[in-house]
Full PDB file with SEQRES, HELIX, SHEET, SSBOND, CRYST1, ORIGX, SCALE, CONECT and MASTER records, all heavy atoms in Angstrom:
SEQRES   1 A   37  ARG GLU GLY VAL ILE ALA LEU THR GLU ALA ASP ILE ALA          
SEQRES   2 A   37  TRP ILE GLU ALA GLY TYR PRO SER VAL LEU TYR VAL GLU          
SEQRES   3 A   37  LYS GLY GLY LEU GLU LEU ARG PHE HIS THR MET                  
HELIX    1 AA1 GLU A    2  ILE A    5  1                                   4    
HELIX    2 AA2 GLU A    9  GLU A   16  1                                   8    
HELIX    3 AA3 VAL A   22  GLU A   26  1                                   5    
HELIX    4 AA4 GLY A   29  THR A   36  1                                   8    
CRYST1    1.000    1.000    1.000  90.00  90.00  90.00 P 1           1          
ORIGX1      1.000000  0.000000  0.000000        0.00000                         
ORIGX2      0.000000  1.000000  0.000000        0.00000                         
ORIGX3      0.000000  0.000000  1.000000        0.00000                         
SCALE1      1.000000  0.000000  0.000000        0.00000                         
SCALE2      0.000000  1.000000  0.000000        0.00000                         
SCALE3      0.000000  0.000000  1.000000        0.00000                         
ATOM      1  N   ARG A   1     111.661  71.905 124.794  1.00  0.00           N  
ATOM      2  CA  ARG A   1     110.590  71.695 123.818  1.00  0.00           C  
ATOM      3  C   ARG A   1     109.538  72.807 123.874  1.00  0.00           C  
ATOM      4  O   ARG A   1     109.108  73.309 122.840  1.00  0.00           O  
ATOM      5  CB  ARG A   1     109.935  70.330 124.040  1.00  0.00           C  
ATOM      6  CG  ARG A   1     108.751  70.040 123.101  1.00  0.00           C  
ATOM      7  CD  ARG A   1     108.277  68.616 123.238  1.00  0.00           C  
ATOM      8  NE  ARG A   1     109.247  67.693 122.658  1.00  0.00           N  
ATOM      9  CZ  ARG A   1     109.336  67.408 121.356  1.00  0.00           C  
ATOM     10  NH1 ARG A   1     108.506  67.995 120.483  1.00  0.00           N  
ATOM     11  NH2 ARG A   1     110.219  66.553 120.914  1.00  0.00           N  
ATOM     12  N   GLU A   2     109.135  73.187 125.079  1.00  0.00           N  
ATOM     13  CA  GLU A   2     108.124  74.231 125.205  1.00  0.00           C  
ATOM     14  C   GLU A   2     108.592  75.551 124.598  1.00  0.00           C  
ATOM     15  O   GLU A   2     107.822  76.272 123.977  1.00  0.00           O  
ATOM     16  CB  GLU A   2     107.755  74.429 126.673  1.00  0.00           C  
ATOM     17  CG  GLU A   2     106.842  73.355 127.236  1.00  0.00           C  
ATOM     18  CD  GLU A   2     106.234  73.769 128.557  1.00  0.00           C  
ATOM     19  OE1 GLU A   2     106.927  74.469 129.332  1.00  0.00           O  
ATOM     20  OE2 GLU A   2     105.070  73.394 128.810  1.00  0.00           O  
ATOM     21  N   GLY A   3     109.866  75.868 124.796  1.00  0.00           N  
ATOM     22  CA  GLY A   3     110.397  77.104 124.245  1.00  0.00           C  
ATOM     23  C   GLY A   3     110.366  77.107 122.732  1.00  0.00           C  
ATOM     24  O   GLY A   3     109.973  78.105 122.106  1.00  0.00           O  
ATOM     25  N   VAL A   4     110.765  75.990 122.100  1.00  0.00           N  
ATOM     26  CA  VAL A   4     110.779  75.908 120.637  1.00  0.00           C  
ATOM     27  C   VAL A   4     109.355  75.935 120.092  1.00  0.00           C  
ATOM     28  O   VAL A   4     109.081  76.575 119.069  1.00  0.00           O  
ATOM     29  CB  VAL A   4     111.520  74.641 120.170  1.00  0.00           C  
ATOM     30  CG1 VAL A   4     111.445  74.496 118.655  1.00  0.00           C  
ATOM     31  CG2 VAL A   4     112.979  74.691 120.615  1.00  0.00           C  
ATOM     32  N   ILE A   5     108.429  75.270 120.771  1.00  0.00           N  
ATOM     33  CA  ILE A   5     107.034  75.273 120.329  1.00  0.00           C  
ATOM     34  C   ILE A   5     106.463  76.688 120.353  1.00  0.00           C  
ATOM     35  O   ILE A   5     105.642  77.061 119.502  1.00  0.00           O  
ATOM     36  CB  ILE A   5     106.192  74.329 121.223  1.00  0.00           C  
ATOM     37  CG1 ILE A   5     106.586  72.872 120.954  1.00  0.00           C  
ATOM     38  CG2 ILE A   5     104.700  74.532 120.994  1.00  0.00           C  
ATOM     39  CD1 ILE A   5     105.935  71.875 121.887  1.00  0.00           C  
ATOM     40  N   ALA A   6     106.899  77.496 121.322  1.00  0.00           N  
ATOM     41  CA  ALA A   6     106.380  78.861 121.455  1.00  0.00           C  
ATOM     42  C   ALA A   6     106.879  79.794 120.360  1.00  0.00           C  
ATOM     43  O   ALA A   6     106.341  80.893 120.197  1.00  0.00           O  
ATOM     44  CB  ALA A   6     106.756  79.423 122.830  1.00  0.00           C  
ATOM     45  N   LEU A   7     107.905  79.395 119.608  1.00  0.00           N  
ATOM     46  CA  LEU A   7     108.399  80.228 118.525  1.00  0.00           C  
ATOM     47  C   LEU A   7     107.402  80.269 117.376  1.00  0.00           C  
ATOM     48  O   LEU A   7     106.772  79.267 117.052  1.00  0.00           O  
ATOM     49  CB  LEU A   7     109.733  79.682 118.003  1.00  0.00           C  
ATOM     50  CG  LEU A   7     110.933  79.749 118.951  1.00  0.00           C  
ATOM     51  CD1 LEU A   7     112.118  79.005 118.344  1.00  0.00           C  
ATOM     52  CD2 LEU A   7     111.322  81.183 119.270  1.00  0.00           C  
ATOM     53  N   THR A   8     107.267  81.423 116.750  1.00  0.00           N  
ATOM     54  CA  THR A   8     106.417  81.546 115.574  1.00  0.00           C  
ATOM     55  C   THR A   8     107.170  81.064 114.345  1.00  0.00           C  
ATOM     56  O   THR A   8     108.388  80.852 114.373  1.00  0.00           O  
ATOM     57  CB  THR A   8     105.987  83.008 115.367  1.00  0.00           C  
ATOM     58  OG1 THR A   8     107.149  83.790 115.043  1.00  0.00           O  
ATOM     59  CG2 THR A   8     105.337  83.569 116.633  1.00  0.00           C  
ATOM     60  N   GLU A   9     106.428  80.901 113.249  1.00  0.00           N  
ATOM     61  CA  GLU A   9     107.077  80.510 112.000  1.00  0.00           C  
ATOM     62  C   GLU A   9     108.068  81.585 111.546  1.00  0.00           C  
ATOM     63  O   GLU A   9     109.121  81.279 110.975  1.00  0.00           O  
ATOM     64  CB  GLU A   9     106.022  80.274 110.908  1.00  0.00           C  
ATOM     65  CG  GLU A   9     105.173  79.032 111.131  1.00  0.00           C  
ATOM     66  CD  GLU A   9     106.013  77.765 111.201  1.00  0.00           C  
ATOM     67  OE1 GLU A   9     106.982  77.643 110.405  1.00  0.00           O  
ATOM     68  OE2 GLU A   9     105.718  76.896 112.031  1.00  0.00           O  
ATOM     69  N   ALA A  10     107.724  82.848 111.810  1.00  0.00           N  
ATOM     70  CA  ALA A  10     108.641  83.934 111.474  1.00  0.00           C  
ATOM     71  C   ALA A  10     109.926  83.831 112.295  1.00  0.00           C  
ATOM     72  O   ALA A  10     111.028  84.041 111.775  1.00  0.00           O  
ATOM     73  CB  ALA A  10     107.974  85.288 111.704  1.00  0.00           C  
ATOM     74  N   ASP A  11     109.781  83.477 113.587  1.00  0.00           N  
ATOM     75  CA  ASP A  11     110.962  83.306 114.438  1.00  0.00           C  
ATOM     76  C   ASP A  11     111.867  82.202 113.893  1.00  0.00           C  
ATOM     77  O   ASP A  11     113.095  82.354 113.853  1.00  0.00           O  
ATOM     78  CB  ASP A  11     110.537  82.945 115.870  1.00  0.00           C  
ATOM     79  CG  ASP A  11     109.903  84.109 116.611  1.00  0.00           C  
ATOM     80  OD1 ASP A  11     110.283  85.266 116.338  1.00  0.00           O  
ATOM     81  OD2 ASP A  11     109.023  83.856 117.460  1.00  0.00           O  
ATOM     82  N   ILE A  12     111.268  81.099 113.486  1.00  0.00           N  
ATOM     83  CA  ILE A  12     112.045  79.986 112.930  1.00  0.00           C  
ATOM     84  C   ILE A  12     112.835  80.454 111.709  1.00  0.00           C  
ATOM     85  O   ILE A  12     114.030  80.151 111.560  1.00  0.00           O  
ATOM     86  CB  ILE A  12     111.123  78.811 112.534  1.00  0.00           C  
ATOM     87  CG1 ILE A  12     110.400  78.238 113.773  1.00  0.00           C  
ATOM     88  CG2 ILE A  12     111.918  77.714 111.832  1.00  0.00           C  
ATOM     89  CD1 ILE A  12     111.307  77.579 114.774  1.00  0.00           C  
ATOM     90  N   ALA A  13     112.188  81.221 110.846  1.00  0.00           N  
ATOM     91  CA  ALA A  13     112.852  81.711 109.643  1.00  0.00           C  
ATOM     92  C   ALA A  13     113.999  82.656 109.992  1.00  0.00           C  
ATOM     93  O   ALA A  13     115.070  82.603 109.372  1.00  0.00           O  
ATOM     94  CB  ALA A  13     111.843  82.426 108.742  1.00  0.00           C  
ATOM     95  N   TRP A  14     113.797  83.507 110.980  1.00  0.00           N  
ATOM     96  CA  TRP A  14     114.857  84.440 111.380  1.00  0.00           C  
ATOM     97  C   TRP A  14     116.051  83.694 111.949  1.00  0.00           C  
ATOM     98  O   TRP A  14     117.204  84.032 111.663  1.00  0.00           O  
ATOM     99  CB  TRP A  14     114.322  85.437 112.407  1.00  0.00           C  
ATOM    100  CG  TRP A  14     113.382  86.473 111.866  1.00  0.00           C  
ATOM    101  CD1 TRP A  14     112.099  86.713 112.273  1.00  0.00           C  
ATOM    102  CD2 TRP A  14     113.631  87.409 110.816  1.00  0.00           C  
ATOM    103  NE1 TRP A  14     111.541  87.733 111.547  1.00  0.00           N  
ATOM    104  CE2 TRP A  14     112.461  88.179 110.650  1.00  0.00           C  
ATOM    105  CE3 TRP A  14     114.729  87.665 109.995  1.00  0.00           C  
ATOM    106  CZ2 TRP A  14     112.365  89.196 109.697  1.00  0.00           C  
ATOM    107  CZ3 TRP A  14     114.634  88.679 109.046  1.00  0.00           C  
ATOM    108  CH2 TRP A  14     113.475  89.427 108.902  1.00  0.00           C  
ATOM    109  N   ILE A  15     115.797  82.681 112.762  1.00  0.00           N  
ATOM    110  CA  ILE A  15     116.900  81.897 113.342  1.00  0.00           C  
ATOM    111  C   ILE A  15     117.658  81.165 112.243  1.00  0.00           C  
ATOM    112  O   ILE A  15     118.892  81.120 112.230  1.00  0.00           O  
ATOM    113  CB  ILE A  15     116.363  80.915 114.399  1.00  0.00           C  
ATOM    114  CG1 ILE A  15     115.747  81.679 115.578  1.00  0.00           C  
ATOM    115  CG2 ILE A  15     117.480  79.996 114.901  1.00  0.00           C  
ATOM    116  CD1 ILE A  15     114.965  80.808 116.537  1.00  0.00           C  
ATOM    117  N   GLU A  16     116.924  80.574 111.303  1.00  0.00           N  
ATOM    118  CA  GLU A  16     117.569  79.880 110.186  1.00  0.00           C  
ATOM    119  C   GLU A  16     118.432  80.834 109.364  1.00  0.00           C  
ATOM    120  O   GLU A  16     119.447  80.431 108.799  1.00  0.00           O  
ATOM    121  CB  GLU A  16     116.498  79.247 109.293  1.00  0.00           C  
ATOM    122  CG  GLU A  16     115.791  78.060 109.928  1.00  0.00           C  
ATOM    123  CD  GLU A  16     114.661  77.535 109.071  1.00  0.00           C  
ATOM    124  OE1 GLU A  16     114.146  78.295 108.213  1.00  0.00           O  
ATOM    125  OE2 GLU A  16     114.269  76.365 109.242  1.00  0.00           O  
ATOM    126  N   ALA A  17     118.021  82.100 109.321  1.00  0.00           N  
ATOM    127  CA  ALA A  17     118.781  83.107 108.576  1.00  0.00           C  
ATOM    128  C   ALA A  17     119.986  83.615 109.352  1.00  0.00           C  
ATOM    129  O   ALA A  17     120.767  84.423 108.834  1.00  0.00           O  
ATOM    130  CB  ALA A  17     117.878  84.279 108.206  1.00  0.00           C  
ATOM    131  N   GLY A  18     120.132  83.157 110.614  1.00  0.00           N  
ATOM    132  CA  GLY A  18     121.305  83.526 111.394  1.00  0.00           C  
ATOM    133  C   GLY A  18     121.089  84.628 112.404  1.00  0.00           C  
ATOM    134  O   GLY A  18     122.051  85.084 113.037  1.00  0.00           O  
ATOM    135  N   TYR A  19     119.848  85.083 112.583  1.00  0.00           N  
ATOM    136  CA  TYR A  19     119.581  86.132 113.571  1.00  0.00           C  
ATOM    137  C   TYR A  19     119.663  85.550 114.973  1.00  0.00           C  
ATOM    138  O   TYR A  19     118.910  84.634 115.315  1.00  0.00           O  
ATOM    139  CB  TYR A  19     118.201  86.751 113.342  1.00  0.00           C  
ATOM    140  CG  TYR A  19     118.147  87.685 112.168  1.00  0.00           C  
ATOM    141  CD1 TYR A  19     118.144  87.190 110.864  1.00  0.00           C  
ATOM    142  CD2 TYR A  19     118.105  89.057 112.340  1.00  0.00           C  
ATOM    143  CE1 TYR A  19     118.107  88.039 109.770  1.00  0.00           C  
ATOM    144  CE2 TYR A  19     118.058  89.924 111.253  1.00  0.00           C  
ATOM    145  CZ  TYR A  19     118.061  89.409 109.974  1.00  0.00           C  
ATOM    146  OH  TYR A  19     118.025  90.254 108.903  1.00  0.00           O  
ATOM    147  N   PRO A  20     120.552  86.068 115.831  1.00  0.00           N  
ATOM    148  CA  PRO A  20     120.752  85.469 117.150  1.00  0.00           C  
ATOM    149  C   PRO A  20     119.855  86.034 118.248  1.00  0.00           C  
ATOM    150  O   PRO A  20     119.942  85.611 119.388  1.00  0.00           O  
ATOM    151  CB  PRO A  20     122.219  85.813 117.450  1.00  0.00           C  
ATOM    152  CG  PRO A  20     122.413  87.125 116.779  1.00  0.00           C  
ATOM    153  CD  PRO A  20     121.546  87.112 115.559  1.00  0.00           C  
ATOM    154  N   SER A  21     119.007  86.997 117.907  1.00  0.00           N  
ATOM    155  CA  SER A  21     118.152  87.611 118.929  1.00  0.00           C  
ATOM    156  C   SER A  21     116.980  88.270 118.238  1.00  0.00           C  
ATOM    157  O   SER A  21     117.107  88.784 117.118  1.00  0.00           O  
ATOM    158  CB  SER A  21     118.943  88.648 119.742  1.00  0.00           C  
ATOM    159  OG  SER A  21     118.072  89.451 120.526  1.00  0.00           O  
ATOM    160  N   VAL A  22     115.842  88.300 118.911  1.00  0.00           N  
ATOM    161  CA  VAL A  22     114.672  88.980 118.353  1.00  0.00           C  
ATOM    162  C   VAL A  22     114.939  90.468 118.223  1.00  0.00           C  
ATOM    163  O   VAL A  22     114.348  91.153 117.378  1.00  0.00           O  
ATOM    164  CB  VAL A  22     113.428  88.707 119.224  1.00  0.00           C  
ATOM    165  CG1 VAL A  22     113.536  89.411 120.580  1.00  0.00           C  
ATOM    166  CG2 VAL A  22     112.159  89.139 118.496  1.00  0.00           C  
ATOM    167  N   LEU A  23     115.867  90.993 119.015  1.00  0.00           N  
ATOM    168  CA  LEU A  23     116.196  92.412 118.927  1.00  0.00           C  
ATOM    169  C   LEU A  23     116.860  92.755 117.597  1.00  0.00           C  
ATOM    170  O   LEU A  23     116.748  93.877 117.109  1.00  0.00           O  
ATOM    171  CB  LEU A  23     117.114  92.812 120.081  1.00  0.00           C  
ATOM    172  CG  LEU A  23     116.515  92.679 121.486  1.00  0.00           C  
ATOM    173  CD1 LEU A  23     117.547  93.052 122.543  1.00  0.00           C  
ATOM    174  CD2 LEU A  23     115.282  93.556 121.638  1.00  0.00           C  
ATOM    175  N   TYR A  24     117.559  91.785 116.995  1.00  0.00           N  
ATOM    176  CA  TYR A  24     118.193  92.016 115.704  1.00  0.00           C  
ATOM    177  C   TYR A  24     117.143  92.147 114.602  1.00  0.00           C  
ATOM    178  O   TYR A  24     117.402  92.726 113.550  1.00  0.00           O  
ATOM    179  CB  TYR A  24     119.149  90.882 115.359  1.00  0.00           C  
ATOM    180  CG  TYR A  24     120.427  90.892 116.160  1.00  0.00           C  
ATOM    181  CD1 TYR A  24     120.426  90.877 117.549  1.00  0.00           C  
ATOM    182  CD2 TYR A  24     121.663  90.914 115.530  1.00  0.00           C  
ATOM    183  CE1 TYR A  24     121.592  90.897 118.288  1.00  0.00           C  
ATOM    184  CE2 TYR A  24     122.846  90.919 116.259  1.00  0.00           C  
ATOM    185  CZ  TYR A  24     122.794  90.914 117.638  1.00  0.00           C  
ATOM    186  OH  TYR A  24     123.970  90.926 118.368  1.00  0.00           O  
ATOM    187  N   VAL A  25     115.969  91.588 114.831  1.00  0.00           N  
ATOM    188  CA  VAL A  25     114.864  91.714 113.884  1.00  0.00           C  
ATOM    189  C   VAL A  25     114.164  93.054 114.079  1.00  0.00           C  
ATOM    190  O   VAL A  25     113.781  93.723 113.119  1.00  0.00           O  
ATOM    191  CB  VAL A  25     113.862  90.557 114.076  1.00  0.00           C  
ATOM    192  CG1 VAL A  25     112.694  90.696 113.106  1.00  0.00           C  
ATOM    193  CG2 VAL A  25     114.552  89.213 113.891  1.00  0.00           C  
ATOM    194  N   GLU A  26     114.009  93.457 115.340  1.00  0.00           N  
ATOM    195  CA  GLU A  26     113.232  94.652 115.660  1.00  0.00           C  
ATOM    196  C   GLU A  26     114.010  95.943 115.443  1.00  0.00           C  
ATOM    197  O   GLU A  26     113.411  96.990 115.193  1.00  0.00           O  
ATOM    198  CB  GLU A  26     112.767  94.584 117.122  1.00  0.00           C  
ATOM    199  CG  GLU A  26     111.848  93.391 117.407  1.00  0.00           C  
ATOM    200  CD  GLU A  26     111.578  93.226 118.889  1.00  0.00           C  
ATOM    201  OE1 GLU A  26     112.252  93.906 119.705  1.00  0.00           O  
ATOM    202  OE2 GLU A  26     110.705  92.409 119.236  1.00  0.00           O  
ATOM    203  N   LYS A  27     115.332  95.884 115.547  1.00  0.00           N  
ATOM    204  CA  LYS A  27     116.140  97.094 115.435  1.00  0.00           C  
ATOM    205  C   LYS A  27     116.758  97.203 114.045  1.00  0.00           C  
ATOM    206  O   LYS A  27     116.805  96.243 113.291  1.00  0.00           O  
ATOM    207  CB  LYS A  27     117.241  97.090 116.501  1.00  0.00           C  
ATOM    208  CG  LYS A  27     116.736  97.074 117.933  1.00  0.00           C  
ATOM    209  CD  LYS A  27     117.885  97.072 118.929  1.00  0.00           C  
ATOM    210  CE  LYS A  27     117.389  96.951 120.365  1.00  0.00           C  
ATOM    211  NZ  LYS A  27     116.593  98.133 120.755  1.00  0.00           N  
ATOM    212  N   GLY A  28     117.275  98.386 113.739  1.00  0.00           N  
ATOM    213  CA  GLY A  28     117.938  98.588 112.463  1.00  0.00           C  
ATOM    214  C   GLY A  28     118.847  99.801 112.525  1.00  0.00           C  
ATOM    215  O   GLY A  28     118.812 100.583 113.473  1.00  0.00           O  
ATOM    216  N   GLY A  29     119.684  99.953 111.486  1.00  0.00           N  
ATOM    217  CA  GLY A  29     120.536 101.126 111.382  1.00  0.00           C  
ATOM    218  C   GLY A  29     121.491 101.280 112.547  1.00  0.00           C  
ATOM    219  O   GLY A  29     122.065 100.310 113.044  1.00  0.00           O  
ATOM    220  N   LEU A  30     121.647 102.518 113.001  1.00  0.00           N  
ATOM    221  CA  LEU A  30     122.593 102.821 114.069  1.00  0.00           C  
ATOM    222  C   LEU A  30     122.211 102.150 115.376  1.00  0.00           C  
ATOM    223  O   LEU A  30     123.079 101.759 116.159  1.00  0.00           O  
ATOM    224  CB  LEU A  30     122.686 104.338 114.269  1.00  0.00           C  
ATOM    225  CG  LEU A  30     123.390 105.125 113.160  1.00  0.00           C  
ATOM    226  CD1 LEU A  30     123.309 106.616 113.440  1.00  0.00           C  
ATOM    227  CD2 LEU A  30     124.843 104.689 113.020  1.00  0.00           C  
ATOM    228  N   GLU A  31     120.901 102.003 115.613  1.00  0.00           N  
ATOM    229  CA  GLU A  31     120.465 101.368 116.854  1.00  0.00           C  
ATOM    230  C   GLU A  31     120.927  99.918 116.915  1.00  0.00           C  
ATOM    231  O   GLU A  31     121.398  99.447 117.952  1.00  0.00           O  
ATOM    232  CB  GLU A  31     118.946 101.445 116.975  1.00  0.00           C  
ATOM    233  CG  GLU A  31     118.417 100.945 118.320  1.00  0.00           C  
ATOM    234  CD  GLU A  31     116.915 101.008 118.424  1.00  0.00           C  
ATOM    235  OE1 GLU A  31     116.257 101.201 117.385  1.00  0.00           O  
ATOM    236  OE2 GLU A  31     116.384 100.842 119.540  1.00  0.00           O  
ATOM    237  N   LEU A  32     120.808  99.209 115.789  1.00  0.00           N  
ATOM    238  CA  LEU A  32     121.265  97.823 115.746  1.00  0.00           C  
ATOM    239  C   LEU A  32     122.774  97.754 115.879  1.00  0.00           C  
ATOM    240  O   LEU A  32     123.307  96.881 116.581  1.00  0.00           O  
ATOM    241  CB  LEU A  32     120.816  97.168 114.434  1.00  0.00           C  
ATOM    242  CG  LEU A  32     121.292  95.731 114.202  1.00  0.00           C  
ATOM    243  CD1 LEU A  32     120.823  94.814 115.319  1.00  0.00           C  
ATOM    244  CD2 LEU A  32     120.803  95.221 112.854  1.00  0.00           C  
ATOM    245  N   ARG A  33     123.476  98.675 115.212  1.00  0.00           N  
ATOM    246  CA  ARG A  33     124.939  98.696 115.312  1.00  0.00           C  
ATOM    247  C   ARG A  33     125.377  98.934 116.748  1.00  0.00           C  
ATOM    248  O   ARG A  33     126.316  98.300 117.241  1.00  0.00           O  
ATOM    249  CB  ARG A  33     125.492  99.788 114.394  1.00  0.00           C  
ATOM    250  CG  ARG A  33     127.007  99.859 114.363  1.00  0.00           C  
ATOM    251  CD  ARG A  33     127.611  98.580 113.823  1.00  0.00           C  
ATOM    252  NE  ARG A  33     129.051  98.657 113.746  1.00  0.00           N  
ATOM    253  CZ  ARG A  33     129.844  97.636 113.470  1.00  0.00           C  
ATOM    254  NH1 ARG A  33     129.323  96.437 113.234  1.00  0.00           N  
ATOM    255  NH2 ARG A  33     131.145  97.777 113.419  1.00  0.00           N  
ATOM    256  N   PHE A  34     124.679  99.831 117.425  1.00  0.00           N  
ATOM    257  CA  PHE A  34     124.997 100.110 118.819  1.00  0.00           C  
ATOM    258  C   PHE A  34     124.752  98.878 119.688  1.00  0.00           C  
ATOM    259  O   PHE A  34     125.550  98.545 120.562  1.00  0.00           O  
ATOM    260  CB  PHE A  34     124.154 101.278 119.321  1.00  0.00           C  
ATOM    261  CG  PHE A  34     124.406 101.650 120.751  1.00  0.00           C  
ATOM    262  CD1 PHE A  34     125.558 102.347 121.118  1.00  0.00           C  
ATOM    263  CD2 PHE A  34     123.502 101.302 121.746  1.00  0.00           C  
ATOM    264  CE1 PHE A  34     125.794 102.683 122.438  1.00  0.00           C  
ATOM    265  CE2 PHE A  34     123.734 101.639 123.074  1.00  0.00           C  
ATOM    266  CZ  PHE A  34     124.889 102.335 123.425  1.00  0.00           C  
ATOM    267  N   HIS A  35     123.656  98.175 119.426  1.00  0.00           N  
ATOM    268  CA  HIS A  35     123.342  96.978 120.213  1.00  0.00           C  
ATOM    269  C   HIS A  35     124.400  95.900 120.021  1.00  0.00           C  
ATOM    270  O   HIS A  35     124.826  95.265 120.987  1.00  0.00           O  
ATOM    271  CB  HIS A  35     121.968  96.431 119.809  1.00  0.00           C  
ATOM    272  CG  HIS A  35     121.572  95.209 120.573  1.00  0.00           C  
ATOM    273  ND1 HIS A  35     121.007  95.265 121.830  1.00  0.00           N  
ATOM    274  CD2 HIS A  35     121.679  93.883 120.267  1.00  0.00           C  
ATOM    275  CE1 HIS A  35     120.783  94.038 122.275  1.00  0.00           C  
ATOM    276  NE2 HIS A  35     121.178  93.182 121.342  1.00  0.00           N  
ATOM    277  N   THR A  36     124.830  95.671 118.781  1.00  0.00           N  
ATOM    278  CA  THR A  36     125.851  94.644 118.536  1.00  0.00           C  
ATOM    279  C   THR A  36     127.169  95.023 119.216  1.00  0.00           C  
ATOM    280  O   THR A  36     127.889  94.150 119.699  1.00  0.00           O  
ATOM    281  CB  THR A  36     126.075  94.441 117.028  1.00  0.00           C  
ATOM    282  OG1 THR A  36     126.455  95.683 116.426  1.00  0.00           O  
ATOM    283  CG2 THR A  36     124.806  93.939 116.361  1.00  0.00           C  
ATOM    284  N   MET A  37     127.489  96.318 119.245  1.00  0.00           N  
ATOM    285  CA  MET A  37     128.703  96.751 119.925  1.00  0.00           C  
ATOM    286  C   MET A  37     128.595  96.495 121.421  1.00  0.00           C  
ATOM    287  O   MET A  37     129.538  96.024 122.060  1.00  0.00           O  
ATOM    288  CB  MET A  37     128.972  98.235 119.669  1.00  0.00           C  
ATOM    289  CG  MET A  37     130.299  98.721 120.250  1.00  0.00           C  
ATOM    290  SD  MET A  37     130.627 100.464 119.938  1.00  0.00           S  
ATOM    291  CE  MET A  37     129.467 101.209 121.097  1.00  0.00           C  
TER     292      MET A  37                                                      
MASTER        0    0    0    4    0    0    0    6  291    1    0    3          
END                                                                             
């Protein structure tokens, strides 16, 4: 419960959109592709 309460509204929206990590929000392009690999 404490962990979910600590999430921001933006975090909730990202999770609902299927983002599995905050790093997927912060990264992009080749850096994100490298991270997923």
